[in-house]
Amino acid sequence: MSTRSRLASAAYSVTMGGPRIKEPQEEELRRAIGGRTVLVTGASAGIGRALALQCGRAGATVALVARREDALAELAEEIRAEGGTVSVHPCDLSDLEALDATAEEVLAAHGHVDVLVNNAARSIRRRVTDSFDRFHDVERTVQLNYLAPVRLMHRVLPGMLEAGDGHIINCLTLGVLATPPKFAAYLGSKAALDAYSRSVAAELVEEGIRVTSAYLPLVRTEMIAPTASYDGAPALTAEQAANMLASAMVDRPRRLAPPAGLLLDAARIVAPTSLLTTGRALQRRFASSH
């Protein structure tokens, strides 16, 4: 059997378990983040919104960051109605000066950040051959998907180091491991954040800081809505994806991904021409099993 055939066979037979999709038990999540400050970016909708609600219910003080102030205010009221503690910080994170001001505001309000979830992102699907006069596609994705989370890490890490404890979750995509076509600008920015995250994780582990690279599968959110080819594709709900991130708050792993992630990474190197079919098969199996 050829290498390509073996990979395809493994793709169809692999059991999709891995990271917990079920919401962590309320008590274990409360032990992990109760009484702590959790900053969630991209909190106005989708995964960020669902995760912020979970954190509020678990007794965390939740700092909400996103562009849409009205949506953040609505979410804050929902969290307070359930007995949670929350603060609202509208910000366009692609504006690094505005990001700095927001970080100062959060730190002034809460003293420090215990858990940072870099969830805000921008996706662009476009063939590279259609992008030769659109270099701003690369600039915009790098600005929000890489520079902004790194800048925010720089703002909260001093407090974490002083406390000798802290957790950063950087939301990536399974596409970093699968590298599908037409997403070069988006995946390039996420791959940069991935490499940065893994290096920082190794550097600061002895200081009590944990950094999790979360390789999320396709999730049904506003971000994928413009891509018509995703309309019928299997995808997690925002709540299921938030459950993955909540489980990371409990377990604090370095990497969070479906087991298929390692297979996709191997396929990318060994049999790149079969990778797209393999990735689609694994995505269908993973989504249908949850």
Protein backbone atom coordinates (compact mmCIF):
# COMPACT_ATOMS: atom_id res chain seq x y z
CA MET A 1 0.00 0.00 0.00
CA SER A 2 1.34 3.45 -0.91
CA THR A 3 2.06 6.12 1.68
CA ARG A 4 -0.87 8.12 0.35
CA SER A 5 -3.22 5.13 0.63
CA ARG A 6 -2.10 4.38 4.18
CA LEU A 7 -2.78 7.99 5.20
CA ALA A 8 -6.21 7.95 3.59
CA SER A 9 -7.05 4.67 5.33
CA ALA A 10 -5.91 6.04 8.67
CA ALA A 11 -7.97 9.17 8.11
CA TYR A 12 -11.16 7.15 7.75
CA SER A 13 -10.47 4.75 10.61
CA VAL A 14 -9.15 7.14 13.25
CA THR A 15 -11.35 7.56 16.31
CA MET A 16 -12.17 11.23 16.82
CA GLY A 17 -11.88 11.75 20.56
CA GLY A 18 -9.24 14.01 22.02
CA PRO A 19 -10.15 17.35 23.56
CA ARG A 20 -13.30 17.40 25.60
CA ILE A 21 -16.26 18.77 23.67
CA LYS A 22 -18.64 18.36 26.59
CA GLU A 23 -18.80 21.32 28.89
CA PRO A 24 -16.52 20.81 31.91
CA GLN A 25 -18.29 20.11 35.15
CA GLU A 26 -19.35 23.39 36.70
CA GLU A 27 -17.39 22.71 39.86
CA GLU A 28 -14.09 21.95 38.10
CA LEU A 29 -14.38 25.06 35.95
CA ARG A 30 -15.23 27.09 39.04
CA ARG A 31 -12.12 25.75 40.77
CA ALA A 32 -10.02 26.73 37.76
CA ILE A 33 -11.27 30.28 37.19
CA GLY A 34 -13.65 31.23 40.00
CA GLY A 35 -12.65 34.59 41.52
CA ARG A 36 -10.14 35.17 38.72
CA THR A 37 -10.11 37.73 35.93
CA VAL A 38 -10.62 36.32 32.44
CA LEU A 39 -10.17 38.61 29.44
CA VAL A 40 -11.94 37.41 26.29
CA THR A 41 -11.42 39.15 22.95
CA GLY A 42 -13.96 38.86 20.16
CA ALA A 43 -16.56 38.55 22.92
CA SER A 44 -19.48 40.18 21.12
CA ALA A 45 -20.53 37.07 19.19
CA GLY A 46 -19.81 33.44 18.41
CA ILE A 47 -17.21 31.53 20.39
CA GLY A 48 -16.16 34.52 22.49
CA ARG A 49 -19.72 35.25 23.58
CA ALA A 50 -20.44 31.62 24.47
CA LEU A 51 -17.19 31.34 26.42
CA ALA A 52 -17.77 34.59 28.30
CA LEU A 53 -21.15 33.29 29.47
CA GLN A 54 -19.53 30.08 30.74
CA CYS A 55 -16.84 32.02 32.58
CA GLY A 56 -19.40 34.29 34.20
CA ARG A 57 -21.42 31.30 35.43
CA ALA A 58 -18.22 29.77 36.84
CA GLY A 59 -17.60 32.79 39.06
CA ALA A 60 -14.90 34.54 37.05
CA THR A 61 -14.71 38.29 36.58
CA VAL A 62 -15.03 38.58 32.82
CA ALA A 63 -13.49 41.46 30.85
CA LEU A 64 -15.24 41.67 27.48
CA VAL A 65 -13.34 43.11 24.51
CA ALA A 66 -14.69 43.59 20.98
CA ARG A 67 -15.56 46.38 18.56
CA ARG A 68 -19.36 46.38 19.02
CA GLU A 69 -20.14 48.18 22.25
CA ASP A 70 -23.90 47.56 21.99
CA ALA A 71 -23.39 43.80 21.67
CA LEU A 72 -20.95 43.80 24.59
CA ALA A 73 -23.41 45.75 26.75
CA GLU A 74 -26.15 43.26 25.96
CA LEU A 75 -23.87 40.34 26.84
CA ALA A 76 -22.78 42.04 30.06
CA GLU A 77 -26.41 42.39 31.14
CA GLU A 78 -26.97 38.70 30.48
CA ILE A 79 -23.92 37.76 32.56
CA ARG A 80 -25.01 40.03 35.42
CA ALA A 81 -28.53 38.61 35.29
CA GLU A 82 -27.01 35.20 35.98
CA GLY A 83 -25.08 36.55 38.95
CA GLY A 84 -21.76 37.10 37.17
CA THR A 85 -19.26 39.94 37.37
CA VAL A 86 -18.27 41.64 34.12
CA SER A 87 -16.70 44.73 32.60
CA VAL A 88 -17.08 46.06 29.06
CA HIS A 89 -14.16 47.37 26.99
CA PRO A 90 -15.04 48.23 23.37
CA CYS A 91 -11.97 48.29 21.15
CA ASP A 92 -10.83 47.74 17.59
CA LEU A 93 -7.87 45.50 18.36
CA SER A 94 -6.32 46.05 14.95
CA ASP A 95 -5.58 49.60 16.18
CA LEU A 96 -2.59 48.86 18.41
CA GLU A 97 -2.72 52.24 20.16
CA ALA A 98 -6.37 51.62 21.03
CA LEU A 99 -5.39 48.13 22.18
CA ASP A 100 -2.78 49.59 24.54
CA ALA A 101 -5.34 51.98 26.00
CA THR A 102 -7.85 49.17 26.49
CA ALA A 103 -5.24 46.96 28.16
CA GLU A 104 -4.43 49.78 30.58
CA GLU A 105 -8.15 50.22 31.25
CA VAL A 106 -8.60 46.52 32.02
CA LEU A 107 -5.56 46.45 34.30
CA ALA A 108 -6.68 49.61 36.09
CA ALA A 109 -10.11 48.08 36.68
CA HIS A 110 -8.97 44.62 37.77
CA GLY A 111 -5.32 44.92 38.76
CA HIS A 112 -4.21 42.01 36.62
CA VAL A 113 -5.46 39.37 34.18
CA ASP A 114 -5.32 35.71 35.20
CA VAL A 115 -6.53 34.19 31.92
CA LEU A 116 -6.28 35.79 28.48
CA VAL A 117 -8.25 34.29 25.59
CA ASN A 118 -7.10 35.70 22.25
CA ASN A 119 -10.17 34.81 20.23
CA ALA A 120 -10.76 37.82 17.94
CA ALA A 121 -9.74 37.15 14.34
CA ARG A 122 -10.30 38.00 10.70
CA SER A 123 -10.53 35.40 7.92
CA ILE A 124 -10.05 35.96 4.20
CA ARG A 125 -10.68 33.30 1.54
CA ARG A 126 -9.08 34.30 -1.74
CA ARG A 127 -6.81 32.64 -4.28
CA VAL A 128 -3.27 33.98 -4.19
CA THR A 129 -3.51 34.58 -7.94
CA ASP A 130 -6.36 36.99 -7.22
CA SER A 131 -4.38 38.74 -4.50
CA PHE A 132 -1.37 40.20 -6.28
CA ASP A 133 -2.82 43.72 -6.03
CA ARG A 134 -4.41 43.12 -2.62
CA PHE A 135 -1.46 43.05 -0.24
CA HIS A 136 -3.73 44.69 2.31
CA ASP A 137 -5.36 41.25 2.73
CA VAL A 138 -2.10 40.08 4.29
CA GLU A 139 -1.65 43.27 6.31
CA ARG A 140 -5.15 43.17 7.78
CA THR A 141 -4.98 39.53 8.84
CA VAL A 142 -1.51 39.91 10.32
CA GLN A 143 -2.57 43.04 12.21
CA LEU A 144 -5.54 41.43 13.97
CA ASN A 145 -4.61 37.75 14.03
CA TYR A 146 -0.95 38.04 14.99
CA LEU A 147 0.21 41.49 16.10
CA ALA A 148 -2.84 42.23 18.26
CA PRO A 149 -2.76 39.01 20.35
CA VAL A 150 1.01 39.27 20.78
CA ARG A 151 0.70 42.91 21.87
CA LEU A 152 -2.01 41.95 24.36
CA MET A 153 0.17 39.14 25.70
CA HIS A 154 2.92 41.68 26.29
CA ARG A 155 0.51 43.85 28.28
CA VAL A 156 -0.79 41.12 30.61
CA LEU A 157 2.31 38.94 31.02
CA PRO A 158 4.12 41.27 33.49
CA GLY A 159 1.24 40.86 35.95
CA MET A 160 1.15 37.11 35.43
CA LEU A 161 4.89 36.85 36.01
CA GLU A 162 4.61 38.91 39.18
CA ALA A 163 1.86 36.59 40.43
CA GLY A 164 3.80 33.49 39.37
CA ASP A 165 0.74 32.15 37.59
CA GLY A 166 -1.29 32.81 34.46
CA HIS A 167 -2.84 31.19 31.44
CA ILE A 168 -3.03 32.37 27.82
CA ILE A 169 -5.21 30.62 25.26
CA ASN A 170 -4.52 31.55 21.65
CA CYS A 171 -7.33 30.48 19.33
CA LEU A 172 -5.87 29.06 16.14
CA THR A 173 -7.41 26.83 13.50
CA LEU A 174 -7.03 23.24 12.44
CA GLY A 175 -6.17 24.78 9.08
CA VAL A 176 -2.71 25.64 10.44
CA LEU A 177 -2.05 21.90 10.45
CA ALA A 178 -4.03 21.07 7.30
CA THR A 179 -3.08 24.15 5.20
CA PRO A 180 -6.06 24.12 2.81
CA PRO A 181 -5.86 26.27 -0.36
CA LYS A 182 -7.24 29.80 -0.75
CA PHE A 183 -6.56 30.82 2.86
CA ALA A 184 -2.90 31.82 2.60
CA ALA A 185 -3.27 35.25 4.25
CA TYR A 186 -5.41 33.93 7.10
CA LEU A 187 -3.35 30.80 7.75
CA GLY A 188 -0.08 32.71 7.52
CA SER A 189 -1.17 35.02 10.33
CA LYS A 190 -2.40 32.13 12.47
CA ALA A 191 0.76 30.10 11.85
CA ALA A 192 2.82 33.06 13.06
CA LEU A 193 0.79 33.19 16.28
CA ASP A 194 1.16 29.43 16.64
CA ALA A 195 4.96 29.57 16.45
CA TYR A 196 5.07 32.51 18.85
CA SER A 197 2.77 30.73 21.30
CA ARG A 198 4.78 27.52 21.33
CA SER A 199 8.05 29.37 21.91
CA VAL A 200 6.60 31.46 24.75
CA ALA A 201 5.05 28.33 26.27
CA ALA A 202 8.46 26.66 26.44
CA GLU A 203 10.15 29.81 27.73
CA LEU A 204 7.74 30.68 30.56
CA VAL A 205 6.56 27.30 31.84
CA GLU A 206 9.05 27.44 34.72
CA GLU A 207 7.61 30.84 35.66
CA GLY A 208 4.15 29.35 36.23
CA ILE A 209 2.72 30.62 32.94
CA ARG A 210 0.80 28.24 30.70
CA VAL A 211 0.17 29.00 27.02
CA THR A 212 -2.34 26.90 25.07
CA SER A 213 -2.43 26.72 21.28
CA ALA A 214 -6.05 25.82 20.46
CA TYR A 215 -6.46 24.39 16.95
CA LEU A 216 -10.21 24.68 16.50
CA PRO A 217 -12.08 22.80 13.76
CA LEU A 218 -14.60 24.62 11.58
CA VAL A 219 -17.10 26.47 13.78
CA ARG A 220 -20.45 27.87 12.62
CA THR A 221 -19.96 31.59 13.31
CA GLU A 222 -20.34 34.92 11.56
CA MET A 223 -16.73 34.65 10.36
CA ILE A 224 -17.39 31.71 8.03
CA ALA A 225 -20.77 32.98 6.79
CA PRO A 226 -19.34 34.71 3.66
CA THR A 227 -17.80 31.42 2.46
CA ALA A 228 -20.62 29.76 0.53
CA SER A 229 -18.76 26.44 0.28
CA TYR A 230 -19.08 26.09 4.06
CA ASP A 231 -22.90 26.28 4.03
CA GLY A 232 -23.35 22.52 4.07
CA ALA A 233 -20.06 21.63 5.72
CA PRO A 234 -20.02 19.91 9.13
CA ALA A 235 -19.07 22.36 11.85
CA LEU A 236 -19.13 22.75 15.60
CA THR A 237 -21.51 25.20 17.20
CA ALA A 238 -20.04 28.20 18.99
CA GLU A 239 -21.08 26.58 22.27
CA GLN A 240 -19.19 23.36 21.46
CA ALA A 241 -16.07 25.31 20.57
CA ALA A 242 -16.42 27.32 23.78
CA ASN A 243 -16.60 24.03 25.67
CA MET A 244 -13.23 23.06 24.20
CA LEU A 245 -11.72 26.32 25.41
CA ALA A 246 -13.36 25.99 28.82
CA SER A 247 -11.83 22.52 29.15
CA ALA A 248 -8.46 24.08 28.35
CA MET A 249 -8.94 26.43 31.30
CA VAL A 250 -9.25 23.37 33.50
CA ASP A 251 -6.47 21.22 32.00
CA ARG A 252 -4.16 24.01 30.72
CA PRO A 253 -2.56 21.91 27.93
CA ARG A 254 0.09 23.26 25.57
CA ARG A 255 -1.86 22.07 22.54
CA LEU A 256 -5.60 21.60 22.15
CA ALA A 257 -6.72 19.85 18.96
CA PRO A 258 -8.70 16.88 17.71
CA PRO A 259 -6.45 13.81 17.37
CA ALA A 260 -6.82 14.31 13.61
CA GLY A 261 -4.61 17.36 13.95
CA LEU A 262 -1.43 15.28 14.22
CA LEU A 263 -2.50 13.14 11.29
CA LEU A 264 -3.17 16.23 9.20
CA ASP A 265 0.24 17.62 10.15
CA ALA A 266 1.90 14.38 9.04
CA ALA A 267 -0.13 14.28 5.83
CA ARG A 268 0.89 17.84 5.01
CA ILE A 269 4.53 16.73 4.95
CA VAL A 270 4.29 13.20 3.56
CA ALA A 271 1.38 13.36 1.10
CA PRO A 272 0.33 16.97 0.51
CA THR A 273 -1.71 16.19 -2.61
CA SER A 274 -4.09 13.97 -0.63
CA LEU A 275 -4.35 16.36 2.29
CA LEU A 276 -7.50 18.20 1.24
CA THR A 277 -9.54 15.00 0.88
CA THR A 278 -8.11 13.65 4.12
CA GLY A 279 -8.91 16.84 5.99
CA ARG A 280 -12.50 16.91 4.77
CA ALA A 281 -13.02 13.29 5.83
CA LEU A 282 -11.66 13.97 9.30
CA GLN A 283 -13.72 17.14 9.66
CA ARG A 284 -16.92 15.26 8.79
CA ARG A 285 -16.14 12.48 11.27
CA PHE A 286 -15.23 14.92 14.05
CA ALA A 287 -18.33 17.10 13.62
CA SER A 288 -20.74 14.15 13.31
CA SER A 289 -19.36 12.48 16.45
CA HIS A 290 -20.29 15.54 18.54
